Protein backbone atom coordinates (compact mmCIF):
# COMPACT_ATOMS: atom_id res chain seq x y z
CA MET A 1 -73.41 -177.39 2.99
CA ILE A 2 -73.23 -179.20 -0.34
CA GLU A 3 -76.18 -181.14 -1.75
CA LEU A 4 -75.60 -183.66 -4.54
CA LEU A 5 -78.80 -183.39 -6.53
CA LYS A 6 -78.57 -185.17 -9.84
CA THR A 7 -76.21 -187.23 -11.98
CA ILE A 8 -76.20 -185.94 -15.55
CA ASP A 9 -76.26 -188.02 -18.72
CA THR A 10 -73.15 -186.72 -20.53
CA ASP A 11 -73.12 -189.01 -23.58
CA GLN A 12 -73.85 -186.06 -25.88
CA TYR A 13 -70.95 -183.96 -24.57
CA LEU A 14 -67.66 -184.82 -26.22
CA TRP A 15 -65.56 -183.01 -23.62
CA CYS A 16 -67.16 -184.47 -20.50
CA ARG A 17 -66.92 -187.92 -18.91
CA ASP A 18 -69.33 -187.43 -16.00
CA ALA A 19 -71.19 -184.56 -14.38
CA VAL A 20 -73.23 -184.04 -11.24
CA LEU A 21 -75.47 -181.14 -10.24
CA VAL A 22 -74.81 -179.74 -6.77
CA ARG A 23 -76.34 -177.00 -4.66
CA VAL A 24 -74.26 -174.81 -2.37
CA ILE A 25 -76.12 -173.68 0.75
CA GLY A 26 -74.51 -171.24 3.15
CA GLY A 27 -71.52 -170.63 0.87
CA LYS A 28 -68.83 -168.25 2.08
CA SER A 29 -68.65 -166.26 -1.20
CA ALA A 30 -64.87 -166.38 -0.89
CA LEU A 31 -64.47 -167.84 -4.40
CA THR A 32 -66.64 -165.55 -6.47
CA LYS A 33 -66.70 -163.63 -9.73
CA ILE A 34 -67.66 -159.97 -9.66
CA GLY A 35 -68.28 -157.68 -12.60
CA SER A 36 -68.80 -153.99 -13.19
CA ASP A 37 -70.87 -151.98 -15.62
CA ASP A 38 -68.63 -148.92 -15.41
CA THR A 39 -67.17 -149.24 -18.92
CA ASP A 40 -68.51 -147.39 -21.93
CA ASP A 41 -66.91 -149.37 -24.77
CA TYR A 42 -69.24 -152.38 -24.87
CA THR A 43 -67.13 -154.38 -22.45
CA VAL A 44 -67.53 -155.56 -18.86
CA ASN A 45 -64.65 -155.64 -16.41
CA SER A 46 -64.64 -158.73 -14.22
CA VAL A 47 -62.38 -160.51 -11.75
CA LEU A 48 -62.42 -163.95 -10.20
CA LEU A 49 -61.70 -163.45 -6.51
CA LEU A 50 -60.42 -165.83 -3.87
CA ASN A 51 -60.43 -164.48 -0.33
CA GLY A 52 -60.83 -160.99 -1.73
CA LYS A 53 -57.80 -161.18 -4.04
CA PRO A 54 -58.06 -161.36 -7.85
CA ILE A 55 -56.77 -164.63 -9.31
CA VAL A 56 -58.02 -163.96 -12.87
CA GLN A 57 -58.74 -160.53 -14.34
CA GLY A 58 -60.76 -159.98 -17.48
CA GLU A 59 -62.31 -157.44 -19.81
CA TYR A 60 -65.19 -159.21 -21.53
CA PRO A 61 -66.82 -157.87 -24.71
CA ILE A 62 -70.57 -157.69 -25.16
CA CYS A 63 -70.07 -159.30 -28.59
CA PRO A 64 -70.25 -163.06 -27.94
CA THR A 65 -67.87 -164.01 -30.78
CA CYS A 66 -65.16 -161.54 -29.77
CA SER A 67 -62.31 -162.70 -27.55
CA ALA A 68 -61.83 -161.28 -24.08
CA LEU A 69 -58.78 -159.61 -22.63
CA LEU A 70 -57.44 -161.69 -19.73
CA ALA A 71 -54.66 -161.17 -17.22
CA ARG A 72 -53.33 -163.28 -14.37
CA GLY A 73 -54.08 -162.18 -10.86
CA TYR A 74 -52.41 -161.97 -7.49
CA GLY A 75 -51.34 -165.62 -7.42
CA ILE A 76 -53.41 -168.26 -5.69
CA GLU A 77 -50.44 -169.09 -3.48
CA ASN A 78 -50.86 -165.63 -1.92
CA THR A 79 -54.56 -165.96 -1.09
CA ASP A 80 -54.14 -167.81 2.21
CA CYS A 81 -56.60 -170.49 1.10
CA LYS A 82 -56.49 -173.10 3.84
CA GLU A 83 -59.23 -175.09 2.10
CA LEU A 84 -56.89 -175.94 -0.79
CA GLN A 85 -54.39 -177.30 1.68
CA MET A 86 -57.11 -179.34 3.41
CA ILE A 87 -58.09 -181.23 0.26
CA ARG A 88 -54.68 -181.61 -1.37
CA LYS A 89 -53.87 -185.09 -0.05
CA LYS A 90 -57.22 -186.52 -1.18
CA ILE A 91 -57.26 -184.81 -4.55
CA ASN A 92 -53.68 -185.91 -5.29
CA SER A 93 -54.56 -189.57 -4.76
CA ALA A 94 -56.00 -191.93 -7.37
CA TYR A 95 -59.40 -190.97 -8.75
CA VAL A 96 -62.33 -193.17 -7.64
CA ASP A 97 -65.51 -191.62 -9.04
CA LEU A 98 -67.12 -188.21 -9.38
CA GLN A 99 -69.34 -188.47 -6.32
CA THR A 100 -66.33 -189.30 -4.15
CA SER A 101 -64.40 -186.40 -5.64
CA VAL A 102 -67.24 -183.97 -4.97
CA ARG A 103 -67.20 -184.97 -1.33
CA ASN A 104 -63.42 -184.63 -1.28
CA ILE A 105 -63.52 -181.05 -2.58
CA GLU A 106 -66.41 -179.87 -0.39
CA PRO A 107 -64.17 -177.34 1.42
CA ILE A 108 -63.58 -175.63 -1.95
CA LEU A 109 -67.25 -175.78 -2.93
CA ASP A 110 -68.15 -174.19 0.41
CA LEU A 111 -66.18 -171.12 -0.71
CA LEU A 112 -68.65 -170.45 -3.55
CA ASP A 113 -71.73 -168.24 -3.59
CA ASP A 114 -75.01 -169.93 -2.75
CA GLY A 115 -76.61 -171.53 -5.77
CA TYR A 116 -76.41 -174.37 -8.27
CA TYR A 117 -73.26 -175.64 -9.96
CA MET A 118 -72.33 -178.44 -12.30
CA ILE A 119 -69.23 -180.41 -11.33
CA ALA A 120 -67.84 -182.11 -14.42
CA ASP A 121 -65.04 -184.63 -14.84
CA ALA A 122 -63.58 -183.32 -18.07
CA GLU A 123 -60.56 -183.60 -20.33
CA ILE A 124 -58.98 -180.15 -20.50
CA TYR A 125 -55.97 -179.14 -22.62
CA PRO A 126 -53.06 -177.44 -20.79
CA THR A 127 -52.78 -174.78 -23.50
CA ASP A 128 -54.38 -171.41 -24.23
CA GLY A 129 -56.14 -172.82 -27.31
CA SER A 130 -53.39 -171.52 -29.60
CA HIS A 131 -50.56 -174.00 -28.99
CA HIS A 132 -48.95 -172.13 -26.10
CA PHE A 133 -48.47 -173.47 -22.59
CA PHE A 134 -51.41 -172.15 -20.62
CA ALA A 135 -49.28 -170.59 -17.87
CA ASN A 136 -47.16 -168.48 -20.22
CA VAL A 137 -49.55 -165.55 -20.41
CA PRO A 138 -48.31 -161.94 -20.60
CA ASP A 139 -48.14 -159.76 -17.51
CA LYS A 140 -50.97 -157.50 -18.64
CA LEU A 141 -54.38 -157.83 -20.28
CA CYS A 142 -54.16 -159.53 -23.67
CA HIS A 143 -56.52 -161.22 -26.10
CA ILE A 144 -57.02 -164.95 -25.56
CA GLU A 145 -58.69 -166.36 -28.67
CA ALA A 146 -60.43 -169.19 -26.79
CA SER A 147 -62.09 -166.77 -24.35
CA CYS A 148 -64.92 -165.83 -26.74
CA SER A 149 -68.38 -166.92 -25.58
CA GLY A 150 -68.93 -168.52 -28.97
CA TYR A 151 -66.42 -169.31 -31.71
CA TYR A 152 -67.49 -168.28 -35.21
CA ASN A 153 -66.62 -170.81 -37.92
CA HIS A 154 -66.29 -168.98 -41.23
CA ASP A 155 -66.44 -172.14 -43.33
CA PHE A 156 -69.82 -173.25 -41.99
CA LEU A 157 -71.06 -169.73 -41.07
CA THR A 158 -72.02 -170.98 -37.63
CA VAL A 159 -71.21 -170.23 -34.00
CA VAL A 160 -70.08 -172.96 -31.60
CA ASP A 161 -70.98 -172.07 -28.02
CA GLY A 162 -68.21 -172.30 -25.46
CA PHE A 163 -67.53 -175.23 -23.15
CA PRO A 164 -64.63 -176.19 -20.85
CA ALA A 165 -61.60 -176.94 -23.02
CA PHE A 166 -58.47 -174.90 -22.19
CA LEU A 167 -56.76 -173.55 -19.09
CA TYR A 168 -55.80 -170.20 -17.62
CA PRO A 169 -53.30 -169.96 -14.71
CA THR A 170 -54.00 -168.69 -11.22
CA GLN A 171 -50.57 -169.54 -9.80
CA SER A 172 -47.30 -167.72 -10.35
CA ASN A 173 -44.80 -169.65 -12.46
CA THR A 174 -42.05 -169.08 -9.88
CA VAL A 175 -43.91 -171.49 -7.56
CA LEU A 176 -43.73 -174.36 -10.04
CA ASN A 177 -41.29 -177.15 -9.17
CA PRO A 178 -40.38 -179.26 -12.25
CA GLU A 179 -39.36 -182.18 -10.03
CA ARG A 180 -42.80 -182.20 -8.42
CA ALA A 181 -44.37 -182.08 -11.87
CA ASP A 182 -42.29 -185.06 -12.98
CA TYR A 183 -43.87 -187.07 -10.17
CA TYR A 184 -47.15 -187.01 -12.11
CA VAL A 185 -45.80 -187.80 -15.58
CA ASP A 186 -46.36 -191.57 -15.33
CA LYS A 187 -49.76 -191.14 -13.67
CA ILE A 188 -51.36 -188.29 -15.61
CA ASP A 189 -52.71 -190.22 -18.61
CA LYS A 190 -54.37 -193.04 -16.63
CA ASP A 191 -58.14 -193.32 -16.09
CA ASN A 192 -57.60 -193.02 -12.34
CA ALA A 193 -55.18 -190.10 -12.65
CA PRO A 194 -55.30 -187.55 -9.82
CA ARG A 195 -57.63 -184.74 -10.85
CA ALA A 196 -56.91 -181.06 -11.15
CA ILE A 197 -59.57 -178.53 -10.10
CA ALA A 198 -60.71 -175.62 -12.26
CA TYR A 199 -63.42 -172.96 -12.30
CA TYR A 200 -65.16 -172.43 -15.64
CA ASP A 201 -64.59 -168.78 -16.53
CA ASN A 202 -66.00 -168.05 -20.00
CA GLY A 203 -66.03 -169.36 -23.53
CA PHE A 204 -63.59 -172.26 -23.68
CA ILE A 205 -61.42 -171.14 -20.75
CA CYS A 206 -61.18 -172.61 -17.24
CA ALA A 207 -59.22 -171.00 -14.40
CA LEU A 208 -56.98 -173.67 -12.87
CA LEU A 209 -57.38 -173.57 -9.09
CA ASP A 210 -55.29 -176.61 -8.19
CA GLY A 211 -53.09 -178.79 -10.37
CA HIS A 212 -50.49 -176.56 -12.04
CA HIS A 213 -47.89 -179.32 -11.56
CA LYS A 214 -50.29 -181.86 -13.04
CA ALA A 215 -50.85 -179.55 -16.02
CA TYR A 216 -47.07 -179.32 -16.51
CA ALA A 217 -46.86 -183.13 -16.47
CA ALA A 218 -49.74 -183.42 -18.97
CA ALA A 219 -48.05 -180.95 -21.35
CA LYS A 220 -44.82 -182.91 -21.07
CA LYS A 221 -46.69 -186.12 -21.84
CA GLY A 222 -48.83 -184.56 -24.58
CA CYS A 223 -52.14 -185.72 -23.07
CA PRO A 224 -55.25 -183.91 -21.81
CA LEU A 225 -55.50 -183.02 -18.13
CA SER A 226 -58.26 -184.83 -16.23
CA THR A 227 -59.96 -182.01 -14.37
CA LEU A 228 -62.86 -181.47 -12.01
CA VAL A 229 -64.48 -178.35 -13.45
CA ILE A 230 -66.78 -176.18 -11.34
CA ILE A 231 -69.34 -174.72 -13.74
CA PRO A 232 -71.62 -171.97 -12.42
CA MET A 233 -75.08 -171.47 -13.85
CA SER A 234 -74.70 -169.06 -16.77
CA GLY A 235 -78.32 -168.34 -17.72
CA THR A 236 -81.66 -169.74 -18.80
CA TYR A 237 -83.54 -170.24 -22.02
CA GLN A 238 -86.91 -171.46 -23.21
CA GLU A 239 -87.58 -172.97 -26.61
CA GLN A 240 -90.23 -171.36 -28.75
CA HIS A 241 -93.70 -172.88 -28.34
CA SER A 242 -92.52 -174.79 -25.28
CA SER A 243 -93.47 -174.41 -21.64
CA ILE A 244 -90.20 -175.93 -20.42
CA ALA A 245 -87.47 -173.55 -19.28
CA TYR A 246 -83.87 -174.70 -19.01
CA ALA A 247 -80.91 -173.73 -16.85
CA CYS A 248 -77.54 -173.53 -18.60
CA PHE A 249 -74.24 -174.67 -17.15
CA SER A 250 -71.96 -173.96 -20.08
CA GLU A 251 -73.07 -176.51 -22.72
CA ILE A 252 -75.00 -178.66 -20.23
CA THR A 253 -78.67 -177.78 -19.86
CA ILE A 254 -81.29 -179.14 -17.48
CA PRO A 255 -84.95 -178.24 -16.81
CA ILE A 256 -85.26 -175.42 -14.31
CA SER A 257 -87.87 -177.50 -12.50
CA VAL A 258 -84.96 -179.58 -11.15
CA LEU A 259 -83.68 -176.47 -9.33
CA THR A 260 -86.24 -176.44 -6.55
CA ALA A 261 -84.95 -173.25 -4.94
CA TYR A 262 -84.15 -171.35 -8.14
CA SER A 263 -84.90 -167.64 -8.02
CA ARG A 264 -85.14 -165.51 -11.17
CA ASN A 265 -84.59 -162.30 -9.24
CA LYS A 266 -81.20 -162.96 -7.72
CA PRO A 267 -79.28 -159.67 -7.98
CA GLN A 268 -75.88 -159.67 -9.63
CA LEU A 269 -72.97 -158.38 -7.59
CA LYS A 270 -71.44 -155.40 -9.38
CA GLN A 271 -68.79 -152.93 -8.38
CA ILE A 272 -66.07 -150.91 -9.96
CA VAL A 273 -63.26 -153.21 -11.10
CA ARG A 274 -59.74 -151.96 -11.69
CA PHE A 275 -56.83 -154.01 -13.01
CA ASP A 276 -53.29 -154.51 -11.72
CA ASN A 277 -50.30 -156.07 -13.48
CA PHE A 278 -48.53 -158.98 -11.80
CA HIS A 279 -45.12 -159.93 -13.18
CA ASN A 280 -44.63 -163.50 -14.35
CA GLU A 281 -41.61 -165.39 -15.64
CA PRO A 282 -42.43 -167.66 -18.62
CA ILE A 283 -41.70 -171.38 -18.49
CA ALA A 284 -39.49 -172.88 -21.21
CA GLU A 285 -41.70 -174.93 -23.55
CA ASN A 286 -39.02 -177.05 -25.21
CA ASN A 287 -39.93 -180.08 -23.05
CA PHE A 288 -43.63 -179.95 -23.88
CA ASP A 289 -45.45 -181.95 -26.54
CA PHE A 290 -48.24 -179.90 -28.12
CA ARG A 291 -48.74 -182.15 -31.18
CA PHE A 292 -51.92 -183.75 -29.86
CA TYR A 293 -53.64 -180.60 -28.58
CA PRO A 294 -56.22 -179.06 -30.89
CA THR A 295 -56.46 -175.31 -31.26
CA VAL A 296 -59.80 -173.68 -30.52
CA GLU A 297 -60.41 -173.55 -34.29
CA GLU A 298 -59.73 -177.26 -34.74
CA LEU A 299 -61.76 -178.23 -31.69
CA THR A 300 -64.82 -176.19 -32.63
CA GLY A 301 -64.52 -177.27 -36.25
CA ILE A 302 -65.66 -180.76 -35.31
CA TYR A 303 -68.77 -179.21 -33.70
CA ALA A 304 -69.42 -176.84 -36.60
CA ALA A 305 -69.28 -179.84 -38.93
CA GLY A 306 -71.84 -181.66 -36.76
CA LEU A 307 -69.45 -184.54 -36.05
CA GLU A 308 -69.06 -184.33 -32.27
CA ASN A 309 -71.42 -187.25 -31.66
CA VAL A 310 -70.89 -189.22 -34.89
CA THR A 311 -69.17 -192.60 -34.76
CA ILE A 312 -66.61 -192.40 -37.55
CA THR A 313 -65.78 -195.60 -39.42
CA GLU A 314 -63.81 -196.26 -42.58
CA GLU A 315 -67.03 -197.35 -44.26
CA LEU A 316 -68.73 -194.09 -43.36
CA VAL A 317 -65.86 -191.99 -44.75
CA GLU A 318 -65.90 -193.95 -47.99
CA GLN A 319 -69.67 -193.54 -48.17
CA TRP A 320 -69.32 -189.75 -47.83
CA ILE A 321 -66.71 -189.49 -50.58
CA LYS A 322 -68.59 -191.79 -52.97
CA SER A 323 -71.85 -189.93 -52.44
CA SER A 324 -73.13 -188.06 -55.46
CA ASP A 325 -73.67 -184.96 -53.31
CA PHE A 326 -70.11 -184.82 -51.93
CA ASP A 327 -69.56 -181.07 -52.33
CA ILE A 328 -67.55 -178.24 -50.88
CA ASP A 329 -69.29 -178.59 -47.49
CA GLY A 330 -68.49 -182.30 -47.51
CA GLN A 331 -64.79 -181.71 -48.11
CA ILE A 332 -64.67 -179.01 -45.42
CA LYS A 333 -66.36 -181.39 -42.98
CA LEU A 334 -63.86 -184.12 -43.76
CA LYS A 335 -60.94 -181.68 -43.52
CA TYR A 336 -61.99 -180.62 -40.02
CA LEU A 337 -62.37 -184.27 -39.06
CA LEU A 338 -58.82 -185.01 -40.21
CA LYS A 339 -57.39 -182.01 -38.35
CA TYR A 340 -59.18 -182.90 -35.13
CA TYR A 341 -58.34 -186.60 -35.23
CA ALA A 342 -54.70 -185.75 -36.03
CA LYS A 343 -54.57 -184.18 -32.55
CA ARG A 344 -56.73 -186.61 -30.57
CA THR A 345 -56.43 -190.00 -32.30
CA PRO A 346 -53.53 -189.80 -34.79
CA GLN A 347 -53.81 -193.42 -35.94
CA GLN A 348 -57.46 -192.94 -36.90
CA ALA A 349 -56.53 -189.72 -38.71
CA TYR A 350 -53.89 -191.66 -40.64
CA THR A 351 -56.44 -194.32 -41.60
CA ILE A 352 -58.91 -191.71 -42.85
CA ALA A 353 -56.17 -189.82 -44.68
CA LYS A 354 -55.26 -193.00 -46.60
CA ILE A 355 -58.88 -193.31 -47.70
CA VAL A 356 -58.93 -189.70 -48.88
CA VAL A 357 -55.78 -189.99 -51.01
CA SER A 358 -57.02 -193.27 -52.48
CA PHE A 359 -59.93 -191.27 -53.91
CA ALA A 360 -57.73 -188.33 -54.96
CA PRO A 361 -58.30 -188.76 -58.73
CA GLU A 362 -62.08 -188.62 -58.23
CA ILE A 363 -62.02 -185.61 -55.86
CA GLU A 364 -58.99 -183.78 -57.24
CA LYS A 365 -60.83 -180.44 -57.24
CA PHE A 366 -60.86 -180.54 -53.43
CA GLN A 367 -57.18 -179.74 -53.12
CA ASP A 368 -57.29 -178.46 -49.53
CA LEU A 369 -58.70 -181.79 -48.35
CA ILE A 370 -56.11 -183.82 -50.23
CA VAL A 371 -53.21 -181.67 -49.01
CA THR A 372 -54.48 -182.03 -45.42
CA ALA A 373 -54.56 -185.81 -45.88
CA TYR A 374 -51.00 -185.91 -47.23
CA LYS A 375 -49.77 -183.77 -44.31
CA ILE A 376 -51.11 -186.40 -41.94
CA ILE A 377 -49.58 -189.22 -43.95
CA ILE A 378 -46.09 -187.70 -44.08
CA ALA A 379 -46.20 -187.28 -40.30
CA ASN A 380 -46.04 -191.09 -40.12
CA GLN A 381 -42.52 -192.32 -40.73
CA ASN A 382 -43.30 -195.87 -41.84
CA HIS A 383 -42.88 -197.96 -44.97
CA GLU A 384 -46.55 -197.70 -45.98
CA ALA A 385 -46.59 -193.90 -45.70
CA GLU A 386 -43.36 -193.65 -47.70
CA GLN A 387 -44.83 -195.81 -50.46
CA ILE A 388 -47.98 -193.64 -50.62
CA VAL A 389 -45.82 -190.54 -51.00
CA LEU A 390 -43.62 -192.21 -53.64
CA ASP A 391 -46.68 -193.27 -55.62
CA TYR A 392 -47.87 -189.68 -55.73
CA MET A 393 -44.49 -188.35 -56.88
CA ILE A 394 -44.13 -191.04 -59.55
CA ASN A 395 -47.52 -190.12 -61.01
CA HIS A 396 -47.23 -186.33 -60.75
CA ASP A 397 -44.75 -183.58 -61.62
CA ARG A 398 -43.27 -180.74 -59.60
CA LYS A 399 -46.13 -178.41 -60.55
CA SER A 400 -48.77 -180.59 -58.90
CA PHE A 401 -50.46 -179.09 -55.83
CA ALA A 402 -49.29 -181.72 -53.33
CA TRP A 403 -45.73 -182.12 -54.62
CA THR A 404 -44.10 -179.81 -52.07
CA ILE A 405 -45.90 -181.52 -49.19
CA CYS A 406 -44.99 -185.01 -50.36
CA SER A 407 -41.35 -184.14 -51.10
CA SER A 408 -40.99 -182.85 -47.53
CA TYR A 409 -41.41 -186.42 -46.24
CA TRP A 410 -37.63 -186.95 -46.26
CA GLU A 411 -36.57 -183.54 -44.97
CA ASP A 412 -36.30 -184.54 -41.30
CA VAL A 413 -35.08 -188.07 -41.90
CA ASP A 414 -31.41 -188.67 -40.99
């Protein structure tokens, strides 16, 4: 039984369109994550199981800013999951709204352990967070940078807590049919695009349960994958000098008082976990467009800079640069903004980059920022960009710090 309890205000979450809190009652515990405490090297072995078979394997460090070792599992196509077949027709049709989708995927939610979950309609990138197609993971355990619980930003000396952002495969690549994937190419970037389904694993990684063909189509199109993410409750916290305790579902938090049947003493399922290697053939990536996918560093940079909920305008950027206290932190903040927008909204990145180079004489000491801006400008093959580059080269010599970048504008032009 699935109870829809509460619609969540997601305006403050950059990655999430909508979210709803649900409670699973009488779950089958067929889709469950188990861990073990049998390691002695400050790590925890864990597997995500479906019908008793591992679909994601992991060795998770106690250190929250260290990346985990992940490995693919048995292959979801080998788990005899009839529930996935039951929902496939509905989930492959046009998206209506989150409440409708939750009802459509109830057979999958019934496979979970009893408890509370957040179901989020999110934009997820079909990469591993490092510009590789998400399904091209090695056969054995390997470090996935985006799997850390929190990403440490060295520039701002701050940690950005994980949230659903990137994918990890549960299906063998041999099952993928490129022709089936091409069916979604013209549909995948629409607001009503058919949704994929994923289970939030850890850090910035989601295990893709259904939608590997959709993810292929998204990578071919160079757009995010609209995904229904199942987010289990990860813990609780209470602010100092406050009587209100909160439940955490990745980045989303709600008062525990909303969880009417919440129990603090629920035992964790632990057993000895051993790993197996499952062979996988990589998929050729020459047809994919990764230009507009941020890496985990670029994505978290916007959070570390405190810009995830800031409305960026040309006037605001000019105001920052003209400010008397525009310092090294200011240029780092603006550099992260440029890198992020170059992946998500390239035209806005280009507009901001033009503002930056227009102030280059006044902020010349911030060379990293200026070079970043010129890199974005030369990526635009248009008359205006060419003139900006020519102006720089006319007014500078070959020893200037941005000369090499600007001169590369013509390298790929026939």
